[in-house]
C-alpha cells in the first residue's frame, strides 16, 4: 500500500486522491460520578485525654474522652458516562 499525504493508505493499483476538509465533531455526555468507601483505618497519636464534666447528678457523672488519630479512608471512584448522538459541523 502507498501512503498518502494525509496519512491514509491507497491500495496497490488504484488511483487515490485525498481532499481535506476541517471538521468539528461533538457529542453530549452525561456523567454520573459515585464513590464507595471501601476501608477505614486509623492510627492513634499520643495518649487519650479524659476530662470529667461538671454535671454529676443522682450518682451519674459524665466524662469526655479525646484522642488524636490519623484516619486512612480508601475510596473507590466510578464514573458512568452516557453519550448522545454525534453531530458534525463543517468549516
Foldseek 3Di string as FASTA:
>chain_A
DDADPVRDDDDPPDDDDDDDFDKDKDKDKDKDKDKDWDDKDKDWDDDKDKAWDPDDDPNDTDIDIDTDMDMDIDMDMDMDMDIDDMDMDTD
